[in-house]
Amino acid sequence: MATGIAPQTPGLWERYVMAMDKLTDRLNRITAALTKMGVPYALVGGQAVIF
């Protein structure tokens, strides 16, 4: 029997936030690896570049 409740799908803002969270996690992993290896690095433009 149908309940009449549509499944929730993330809207545009929620998808944006999820994408930024994934990007932030990726950047944190990259910078941690570079720091651990002693490789000098710089992030230019903050999160303007998506890998």
PDB file of N, CA and C in Angstrom:
ATOM      1  N   MET A   1       0.835  -1.168   0.000  1.00  0.00           N
ATOM      2  CA  MET A   1       0.000   0.000   0.000  1.00  0.00           C
ATOM      3  C   MET A   1       0.887   1.239   0.000  1.00  0.00           C
ATOM      4  N   ALA A   2       0.591   2.176  -0.859  1.00  0.00           N
ATOM      5  CA  ALA A   2       1.368   3.413  -0.962  1.00  0.00           C
ATOM      6  C   ALA A   2       1.057   4.330   0.213  1.00  0.00           C
ATOM      7  N   THR A   3       2.081   4.964   0.734  1.00  0.00           N
ATOM      8  CA  THR A   3       1.892   5.867   1.868  1.00  0.00           C
ATOM      9  C   THR A   3       1.665   7.301   1.428  1.00  0.00           C
ATOM     10  N   GLY A   4       1.927   7.592   0.162  1.00  0.00           N
ATOM     11  CA  GLY A   4       1.743   8.949  -0.330  1.00  0.00           C
ATOM     12  C   GLY A   4       2.903   9.868  -0.001  1.00  0.00           C
ATOM     13  N   ILE A   5       3.962   9.300   0.553  1.00  0.00           N
ATOM     14  CA  ILE A   5       5.137  10.104   0.895  1.00  0.00           C
ATOM     15  C   ILE A   5       6.220   9.847  -0.152  1.00  0.00           C
ATOM     16  N   ALA A   6       6.622  10.902  -0.823  1.00  0.00           N
ATOM     17  CA  ALA A   6       7.661  10.779  -1.845  1.00  0.00           C
ATOM     18  C   ALA A   6       9.022  10.673  -1.163  1.00  0.00           C
ATOM     19  N   PRO A   7       9.915   9.851  -1.712  1.00  0.00           N
ATOM     20  CA  PRO A   7      11.256   9.769  -1.130  1.00  0.00           C
ATOM     21  C   PRO A   7      11.972  11.111  -1.247  1.00  0.00           C
ATOM     22  N   GLN A   8      12.706  11.464  -0.219  1.00  0.00           N
ATOM     23  CA  GLN A   8      13.418  12.742  -0.219  1.00  0.00           C
ATOM     24  C   GLN A   8      14.675  12.636  -1.078  1.00  0.00           C
ATOM     25  N   THR A   9      14.807  13.532  -2.003  1.00  0.00           N
ATOM     26  CA  THR A   9      16.038  13.630  -2.777  1.00  0.00           C
ATOM     27  C   THR A   9      16.666  14.972  -2.445  1.00  0.00           C
ATOM     28  N   PRO A  10      17.993  15.003  -2.360  1.00  0.00           N
ATOM     29  CA  PRO A  10      18.633  16.271  -1.999  1.00  0.00           C
ATOM     30  C   PRO A  10      18.399  17.334  -3.066  1.00  0.00           C
ATOM     31  N   GLY A  11      18.153  18.538  -2.603  1.00  0.00           N
ATOM     32  CA  GLY A  11      17.977  19.659  -3.505  1.00  0.00           C
ATOM     33  C   GLY A  11      19.321  20.201  -3.945  1.00  0.00           C
ATOM     34  N   LEU A  12      19.287  21.271  -4.687  1.00  0.00           N
ATOM     35  CA  LEU A  12      20.505  21.863  -5.234  1.00  0.00           C
ATOM     36  C   LEU A  12      21.487  22.254  -4.134  1.00  0.00           C
ATOM     37  N   TRP A  13      20.999  22.931  -3.090  1.00  0.00           N
ATOM     38  CA  TRP A  13      21.896  23.375  -2.015  1.00  0.00           C
ATOM     39  C   TRP A  13      22.507  22.182  -1.285  1.00  0.00           C
ATOM     40  N   GLU A  14      21.715  21.162  -1.008  1.00  0.00           N
ATOM     41  CA  GLU A  14      22.228  19.984  -0.326  1.00  0.00           C
ATOM     42  C   GLU A  14      23.287  19.275  -1.165  1.00  0.00           C
ATOM     43  N   ARG A  15      23.070  19.190  -2.473  1.00  0.00           N
ATOM     44  CA  ARG A  15      24.071  18.564  -3.358  1.00  0.00           C
ATOM     45  C   ARG A  15      25.349  19.383  -3.375  1.00  0.00           C
ATOM     46  N   TYR A  16      25.230  20.711  -3.373  1.00  0.00           N
ATOM     47  CA  TYR A  16      26.397  21.587  -3.335  1.00  0.00           C
ATOM     48  C   TYR A  16      27.189  21.356  -2.044  1.00  0.00           C
ATOM     49  N   VAL A  17      26.485  21.312  -0.922  1.00  0.00           N
ATOM     50  CA  VAL A  17      27.150  21.112   0.364  1.00  0.00           C
ATOM     51  C   VAL A  17      27.848  19.753   0.399  1.00  0.00           C
ATOM     52  N   MET A  18      27.186  18.712  -0.098  1.00  0.00           N
ATOM     53  CA  MET A  18      27.801  17.383  -0.123  1.00  0.00           C
ATOM     54  C   MET A  18      29.051  17.377  -0.997  1.00  0.00           C
ATOM     55  N   ALA A  19      28.998  18.069  -2.144  1.00  0.00           N
ATOM     56  CA  ALA A  19      30.161  18.137  -3.031  1.00  0.00           C
ATOM     57  C   ALA A  19      31.308  18.883  -2.362  1.00  0.00           C
ATOM     58  N   MET A  20      30.988  19.971  -1.660  1.00  0.00           N
ATOM     59  CA  MET A  20      32.035  20.724  -0.966  1.00  0.00           C
ATOM     60  C   MET A  20      32.634  19.906   0.178  1.00  0.00           C
ATOM     61  N   ASP A  21      31.826  19.123   0.854  1.00  0.00           N
ATOM     62  CA  ASP A  21      32.339  18.249   1.915  1.00  0.00           C
ATOM     63  C   ASP A  21      33.309  17.221   1.338  1.00  0.00           C
ATOM     64  N   LYS A  22      32.939  16.633   0.195  1.00  0.00           N
ATOM     65  CA  LYS A  22      33.832  15.662  -0.456  1.00  0.00           C
ATOM     66  C   LYS A  22      35.129  16.330  -0.881  1.00  0.00           C
ATOM     67  N   LEU A  23      35.029  17.526  -1.418  1.00  0.00           N
ATOM     68  CA  LEU A  23      36.216  18.251  -1.859  1.00  0.00           C
ATOM     69  C   LEU A  23      37.110  18.592  -0.676  1.00  0.00           C
ATOM     70  N   THR A  24      36.512  19.044   0.414  1.00  0.00           N
ATOM     71  CA  THR A  24      37.283  19.378   1.613  1.00  0.00           C
ATOM     72  C   THR A  24      37.999  18.146   2.149  1.00  0.00           C
ATOM     73  N   ASP A  25      37.308  17.009   2.185  1.00  0.00           N
ATOM     74  CA  ASP A  25      37.939  15.769   2.636  1.00  0.00           C
ATOM     75  C   ASP A  25      39.115  15.394   1.727  1.00  0.00           C
ATOM     76  N   ARG A  26      38.925  15.526   0.423  1.00  0.00           N
ATOM     77  CA  ARG A  26      39.988  15.198  -0.527  1.00  0.00           C
ATOM     78  C   ARG A  26      41.197  16.113  -0.331  1.00  0.00           C
ATOM     79  N   LEU A  27      40.950  17.407  -0.183  1.00  0.00           N
ATOM     80  CA  LEU A  27      42.047  18.346   0.031  1.00  0.00           C
ATOM     81  C   LEU A  27      42.778  18.060   1.339  1.00  0.00           C
ATOM     82  N   ASN A  28      42.040  17.683   2.377  1.00  0.00           N
ATOM     83  CA  ASN A  28      42.666  17.337   3.655  1.00  0.00           C
ATOM     84  C   ASN A  28      43.554  16.103   3.519  1.00  0.00           C
ATOM     85  N   ARG A  29      43.098  15.098   2.772  1.00  0.00           N
ATOM     86  CA  ARG A  29      43.914  13.896   2.562  1.00  0.00           C
ATOM     87  C   ARG A  29      45.169  14.224   1.764  1.00  0.00           C
ATOM     88  N   ILE A  30      45.016  15.058   0.729  1.00  0.00           N
ATOM     89  CA  ILE A  30      46.162  15.417  -0.112  1.00  0.00           C
ATOM     90  C   ILE A  30      47.192  16.194   0.690  1.00  0.00           C
ATOM     91  N   THR A  31      46.741  17.203   1.431  1.00  0.00           N
ATOM     92  CA  THR A  31      47.690  18.011   2.189  1.00  0.00           C
ATOM     93  C   THR A  31      48.343  17.199   3.300  1.00  0.00           C
ATOM     94  N   ALA A  32      47.610  16.270   3.912  1.00  0.00           N
ATOM     95  CA  ALA A  32      48.202  15.409   4.944  1.00  0.00           C
ATOM     96  C   ALA A  32      49.288  14.531   4.341  1.00  0.00           C
ATOM     97  N   ALA A  33      49.040  13.978   3.169  1.00  0.00           N
ATOM     98  CA  ALA A  33      50.034  13.123   2.518  1.00  0.00           C
ATOM     99  C   ALA A  33      51.273  13.927   2.129  1.00  0.00           C
ATOM    100  N   LEU A  34      51.067  15.119   1.586  1.00  0.00           N
ATOM    101  CA  LEU A  34      52.205  15.949   1.195  1.00  0.00           C
ATOM    102  C   LEU A  34      53.021  16.365   2.420  1.00  0.00           C
ATOM    103  N   THR A  35      52.350  16.711   3.496  1.00  0.00           N
ATOM    104  CA  THR A  35      53.038  17.097   4.728  1.00  0.00           C
ATOM    105  C   THR A  35      53.830  15.918   5.283  1.00  0.00           C
ATOM    106  N   LYS A  36      53.215  14.746   5.295  1.00  0.00           N
ATOM    107  CA  LYS A  36      53.874  13.543   5.812  1.00  0.00           C
ATOM    108  C   LYS A  36      55.141  13.222   5.016  1.00  0.00           C
ATOM    109  N   MET A  37      55.108  13.451   3.692  1.00  0.00           N
ATOM    110  CA  MET A  37      56.269  13.171   2.840  1.00  0.00           C
ATOM    111  C   MET A  37      57.271  14.316   2.822  1.00  0.00           C
ATOM    112  N   GLY A  38      56.926  15.430   3.451  1.00  0.00           N
ATOM    113  CA  GLY A  38      57.821  16.571   3.479  1.00  0.00           C
ATOM    114  C   GLY A  38      57.877  17.347   2.172  1.00  0.00           C
ATOM    115  N   VAL A  39      56.842  17.239   1.379  1.00  0.00           N
ATOM    116  CA  VAL A  39      56.783  17.933   0.099  1.00  0.00           C
ATOM    117  C   VAL A  39      56.192  19.324   0.321  1.00  0.00           C
ATOM    118  N   PRO A  40      56.928  20.375  -0.057  1.00  0.00           N
ATOM    119  CA  PRO A  40      56.347  21.716   0.080  1.00  0.00           C
ATOM    120  C   PRO A  40      55.199  21.899  -0.930  1.00  0.00           C
ATOM    121  N   TYR A  41      54.163  22.589  -0.502  1.00  0.00           N
ATOM    122  CA  TYR A  41      53.013  22.795  -1.377  1.00  0.00           C
ATOM    123  C   TYR A  41      52.321  24.093  -1.003  1.00  0.00           C
ATOM    124  N   ALA A  42      51.473  24.551  -1.892  1.00  0.00           N
ATOM    125  CA  ALA A  42      50.630  25.713  -1.621  1.00  0.00           C
ATOM    126  C   ALA A  42      49.291  25.479  -2.308  1.00  0.00           C
ATOM    127  N   LEU A  43      48.225  25.836  -1.633  1.00  0.00           N
ATOM    128  CA  LEU A  43      46.901  25.789  -2.238  1.00  0.00           C
ATOM    129  C   LEU A  43      46.563  27.179  -2.719  1.00  0.00           C
ATOM    130  N   VAL A  44      46.286  27.288  -3.996  1.00  0.00           N
ATOM    131  CA  VAL A  44      45.994  28.590  -4.589  1.00  0.00           C
ATOM    132  C   VAL A  44      44.506  28.629  -4.923  1.00  0.00           C
ATOM    133  N   GLY A  45      43.855  29.674  -4.490  1.00  0.00           N
ATOM    134  CA  GLY A  45      42.444  29.837  -4.820  1.00  0.00           C
ATOM    135  C   GLY A  45      41.514  29.086  -3.888  1.00  0.00           C
ATOM    136  N   GLY A  46      42.021  28.604  -2.785  1.00  0.00           N
ATOM    137  CA  GLY A  46      41.175  27.905  -1.830  1.00  0.00           C
ATOM    138  C   GLY A  46      40.547  26.692  -2.461  1.00  0.00           C
ATOM    139  N   GLN A  47      39.231  26.612  -2.456  1.00  0.00           N
ATOM    140  CA  GLN A  47      38.538  25.465  -3.026  1.00  0.00           C
ATOM    141  C   GLN A  47      37.964  25.799  -4.396  1.00  0.00           C
ATOM    142  N   ALA A  48      38.586  26.701  -5.100  1.00  0.00           N
ATOM    143  CA  ALA A  48      38.083  27.100  -6.411  1.00  0.00           C
ATOM    144  C   ALA A  48      38.346  26.034  -7.460  1.00  0.00           C
ATOM    145  N   VAL A  49      39.335  25.193  -7.232  1.00  0.00           N
ATOM    146  CA  VAL A  49      39.693  24.160  -8.196  1.00  0.00           C
ATOM    147  C   VAL A  49      39.147  22.833  -7.716  1.00  0.00           C
ATOM    148  N   ILE A  50      38.340  22.193  -8.530  1.00  0.00           N
ATOM    149  CA  ILE A  50      37.810  20.876  -8.201  1.00  0.00           C
ATOM    150  C   ILE A  50      38.604  19.851  -9.002  1.00  0.00           C
ATOM    151  N   PHE A  51      39.153  18.898  -8.269  1.00  0.00           N
ATOM    152  CA  PHE A  51      39.978  17.866  -8.919  1.00  0.00           C
ATOM    153  C   PHE A  51      39.137  16.960  -9.755  1.00  0.00           C
TER     154      PHE A  51
END
